[in-house]
Amino acid sequence: MITSQEQLDIIIKKIKSYLNGKSQTTIRTLGKTFRGFESFDQKCRIDKDEFLIGLKQNGVILTKFQTDFLLNYLDRNRDGSIDVAEFLYLIRGSPNENRLEVIVQAFKKFDKDNLGIIVTDDFKGIFNSKNHPKVRRGELTEDQAYIEFLQYFRDGNKSGQITLNEWKEYYAAVSADIEHDENFIALIKETWRLK
């Protein structure tokens, strides 16, 4: 008999295979989809129906049993909503200490007053996208990569401000797509011109 944890692992592995199998759909685009829904709130929660719509829009197809199991697991307090951050964490995991250190270092470059909030306008002229994977493959220009980066945050947050948690969430998804620590750290340092 299969345990609950083994069943969850099977479902998460299946979701990852859908996301990794499509060139245009990633953990980041899934998160962006969720943040764009009306029910997405300040606590990073979304209602069950929109959660399922978001999965489907990103090409994730689960059986009825898997859908019910996942919803029951994610909605433990039975309020009808899903914690998107928790779900994305299940899929991608958390960056290790070395990666997290450079993620926070890049954020602090812009958070000079230590309020835990940065403004996207501060990035202009600093963001370096020469080594962005899509730029290197010729899928985007450097300017398009910058616009895509800004759009990621603007879709879920119209204020133009980014919190440290939003920044970590974004780069945790980037981290999940890069196998080696040194490649990830080099990408962040080059992108934000860190020493």
Protein backbone atom coordinates (compact mmCIF):
# COMPACT_ATOMS: atom_id res chain seq x y z
CA MET A 1 0.00 0.00 0.00
CA ILE A 2 1.25 3.45 -0.92
CA THR A 3 1.69 6.03 1.85
CA SER A 4 0.30 9.58 1.69
CA GLN A 5 3.82 11.00 1.35
CA GLU A 6 4.59 8.63 -1.53
CA GLN A 7 1.32 9.65 -3.24
CA LEU A 8 2.19 13.34 -2.82
CA ASP A 9 5.68 12.70 -4.22
CA ILE A 10 4.16 10.99 -7.29
CA ILE A 11 1.84 13.95 -7.92
CA ILE A 12 4.61 16.54 -7.46
CA LYS A 13 6.89 14.57 -9.79
CA LYS A 14 4.10 14.46 -12.39
CA ILE A 15 3.54 18.22 -12.14
CA LYS A 16 7.28 18.85 -12.48
CA SER A 17 7.43 16.63 -15.56
CA TYR A 18 4.66 18.69 -17.21
CA LEU A 19 6.40 21.95 -16.36
CA ASN A 20 9.86 20.75 -17.40
CA GLY A 21 8.57 19.16 -20.59
CA LYS A 22 7.34 22.42 -22.12
CA SER A 23 9.77 25.11 -23.19
CA GLN A 24 7.39 28.01 -22.48
CA THR A 25 5.96 26.75 -19.18
CA THR A 26 8.07 26.80 -16.04
CA ILE A 27 7.54 27.08 -12.32
CA ARG A 28 7.87 30.86 -12.74
CA THR A 29 5.12 31.04 -15.37
CA LEU A 30 2.88 28.90 -13.17
CA GLY A 31 3.44 31.29 -10.25
CA LYS A 32 2.78 34.26 -12.54
CA THR A 33 -0.50 32.66 -13.67
CA PHE A 34 -1.65 32.21 -10.06
CA ARG A 35 -0.75 35.81 -9.14
CA GLY A 36 -2.83 37.08 -12.04
CA PHE A 37 -6.08 35.55 -10.79
CA GLU A 38 -8.72 37.62 -9.02
CA SER A 39 -8.76 35.47 -5.88
CA PHE A 40 -4.97 35.79 -5.33
CA ASP A 41 -4.54 37.82 -2.15
CA GLN A 42 -1.87 39.52 -0.02
CA LYS A 43 -1.35 36.27 1.91
CA CYS A 44 -0.38 34.49 -1.32
CA ARG A 45 -3.57 32.41 -1.32
CA ILE A 46 -5.88 31.53 -4.20
CA ASP A 47 -9.23 29.73 -4.32
CA LYS A 48 -9.32 26.07 -5.32
CA ASP A 49 -11.12 26.63 -8.62
CA GLU A 50 -8.62 29.19 -9.88
CA PHE A 51 -5.77 27.01 -8.63
CA LEU A 52 -7.01 24.16 -10.85
CA ILE A 53 -7.57 26.55 -13.78
CA GLY A 54 -3.98 27.77 -13.38
CA LEU A 55 -2.63 24.22 -13.48
CA LYS A 56 -4.67 23.44 -16.58
CA GLN A 57 -3.62 26.68 -18.34
CA ASN A 58 -0.01 25.61 -17.80
CA GLY A 59 -0.57 22.16 -19.27
CA VAL A 60 -0.71 20.21 -16.00
CA ILE A 61 -3.24 17.37 -16.24
CA LEU A 62 -3.98 15.32 -13.13
CA THR A 63 -6.42 12.48 -12.57
CA LYS A 64 -9.51 13.16 -10.43
CA PHE A 65 -7.93 11.19 -7.59
CA GLN A 66 -4.66 13.16 -7.84
CA THR A 67 -6.53 16.48 -7.99
CA ASP A 68 -8.63 15.62 -4.92
CA PHE A 69 -5.58 14.35 -3.04
CA LEU A 70 -3.55 17.48 -3.82
CA LEU A 71 -6.38 19.85 -2.90
CA ASN A 72 -6.97 18.03 0.39
CA TYR A 73 -3.27 18.16 1.18
CA LEU A 74 -2.93 21.87 0.35
CA ASP A 75 -6.19 23.00 1.98
CA ARG A 76 -5.56 21.54 5.41
CA ASN A 77 -7.63 24.19 7.22
CA ARG A 78 -10.56 23.55 4.81
CA ASP A 79 -11.17 27.23 4.01
CA GLY A 80 -11.35 26.59 0.25
CA SER A 81 -8.07 28.32 -0.59
CA ILE A 82 -4.57 27.19 -1.48
CA ASP A 83 -1.30 28.72 -0.25
CA VAL A 84 0.51 29.33 -3.55
CA ALA A 85 3.90 29.84 -1.88
CA GLU A 86 3.58 26.47 -0.12
CA PHE A 87 2.60 24.76 -3.37
CA LEU A 88 5.46 26.32 -5.35
CA TYR A 89 7.86 25.34 -2.57
CA LEU A 90 6.67 21.72 -2.88
CA ILE A 91 7.52 21.78 -6.58
CA ARG A 92 10.83 23.59 -6.60
CA GLY A 93 12.21 23.18 -3.11
CA SER A 94 14.24 25.94 -1.52
CA PRO A 95 17.58 27.28 -2.74
CA ASN A 96 20.50 26.11 -0.67
CA GLU A 97 22.35 28.48 1.68
CA ASN A 98 24.92 29.59 -0.93
CA ARG A 99 22.23 30.45 -3.47
CA LEU A 100 20.02 32.17 -0.90
CA GLU A 101 22.95 34.32 0.22
CA VAL A 102 23.50 35.76 -3.28
CA ILE A 103 19.72 36.21 -3.79
CA VAL A 104 19.54 38.32 -0.61
CA GLN A 105 22.76 40.16 -1.53
CA ALA A 106 21.20 41.25 -4.84
CA PHE A 107 18.05 42.43 -3.04
CA LYS A 108 20.04 44.40 -0.46
CA LYS A 109 21.85 46.23 -3.25
CA PHE A 110 18.56 48.06 -3.83
CA ASP A 111 17.14 48.02 -0.29
CA LYS A 112 19.47 50.71 1.03
CA ASP A 113 17.16 51.72 3.89
CA ASN A 114 16.59 48.10 5.01
CA LEU A 115 12.78 48.31 4.83
CA GLY A 116 12.45 44.96 3.03
CA ILE A 117 10.98 46.64 -0.08
CA ILE A 118 12.63 47.66 -3.32
CA VAL A 119 11.31 49.66 -6.26
CA THR A 120 11.56 48.35 -9.83
CA ASP A 121 12.54 51.80 -11.13
CA ASP A 122 15.90 51.36 -9.35
CA PHE A 123 16.86 48.51 -11.72
CA LYS A 124 17.15 50.61 -14.85
CA GLY A 125 20.72 50.69 -16.10
CA ILE A 126 21.84 47.96 -13.72
CA PHE A 127 20.00 44.85 -14.93
CA ASN A 128 22.40 42.91 -17.16
CA SER A 129 20.68 40.22 -19.21
CA LYS A 130 23.52 39.19 -21.55
CA ASN A 131 23.71 35.74 -19.94
CA HIS A 132 19.96 35.27 -19.47
CA PRO A 133 19.23 31.75 -20.82
CA LYS A 134 16.61 33.03 -23.30
CA VAL A 135 18.94 35.80 -24.51
CA ARG A 136 21.75 33.31 -25.04
CA ARG A 137 19.41 31.04 -27.02
CA GLY A 138 18.26 33.99 -29.14
CA GLU A 139 14.65 33.77 -27.92
CA LEU A 140 14.70 37.28 -26.40
CA THR A 141 16.70 40.47 -26.80
CA GLU A 142 18.31 41.94 -23.68
CA ASP A 143 15.59 44.60 -23.52
CA GLN A 144 12.86 41.96 -23.82
CA ALA A 145 14.44 39.96 -20.98
CA TYR A 146 14.38 43.07 -18.79
CA ILE A 147 10.73 43.76 -19.65
CA GLU A 148 9.83 40.10 -18.93
CA PHE A 149 11.57 40.35 -15.54
CA LEU A 150 9.67 43.52 -14.60
CA GLN A 151 6.38 42.13 -15.92
CA TYR A 152 6.70 39.11 -13.63
CA PHE A 153 6.42 41.37 -10.60
CA ARG A 154 3.96 43.88 -12.05
CA ASP A 155 1.40 41.17 -12.89
CA GLY A 156 0.95 40.30 -9.23
CA ASN A 157 1.81 43.67 -7.74
CA LYS A 158 0.77 46.90 -9.43
CA SER A 159 2.72 49.13 -7.00
CA GLY A 160 6.12 48.67 -8.63
CA GLN A 161 7.46 47.53 -5.27
CA ILE A 162 8.97 44.12 -4.55
CA THR A 163 9.23 42.55 -1.11
CA LEU A 164 12.11 40.34 -0.06
CA ASN A 165 9.74 37.34 -0.04
CA GLU A 166 8.60 38.05 -3.63
CA TRP A 167 12.24 38.40 -4.68
CA LYS A 168 13.17 35.10 -2.99
CA GLU A 169 10.17 33.36 -4.58
CA TYR A 170 11.17 34.55 -8.05
CA TYR A 171 14.79 33.48 -7.66
CA ALA A 172 13.87 30.18 -6.00
CA ALA A 173 12.06 29.34 -9.25
CA VAL A 174 15.09 30.44 -11.30
CA SER A 175 17.29 28.35 -9.01
CA ALA A 176 15.17 25.25 -9.63
CA ASP A 177 16.00 25.51 -13.34
CA ILE A 178 19.81 25.72 -12.84
CA GLU A 179 21.60 22.59 -11.74
CA HIS A 180 24.99 23.85 -10.54
CA ASP A 181 25.47 26.36 -7.72
CA GLU A 182 28.34 28.13 -9.46
CA ASN A 183 26.22 28.75 -12.58
CA PHE A 184 23.34 30.15 -10.55
CA ILE A 185 25.57 32.37 -8.42
CA ALA A 186 27.42 33.65 -11.50
CA LEU A 187 24.09 34.45 -13.19
CA ILE A 188 22.85 36.50 -10.23
CA LYS A 189 26.16 38.32 -9.83
CA GLU A 190 26.32 39.16 -13.54
CA THR A 191 22.66 40.17 -13.75
CA TRP A 192 22.89 42.59 -10.82
CA ARG A 193 26.57 43.54 -11.21
CA LEU A 194 27.55 42.24 -7.79
CA LYS A 195 31.14 41.93 -6.66
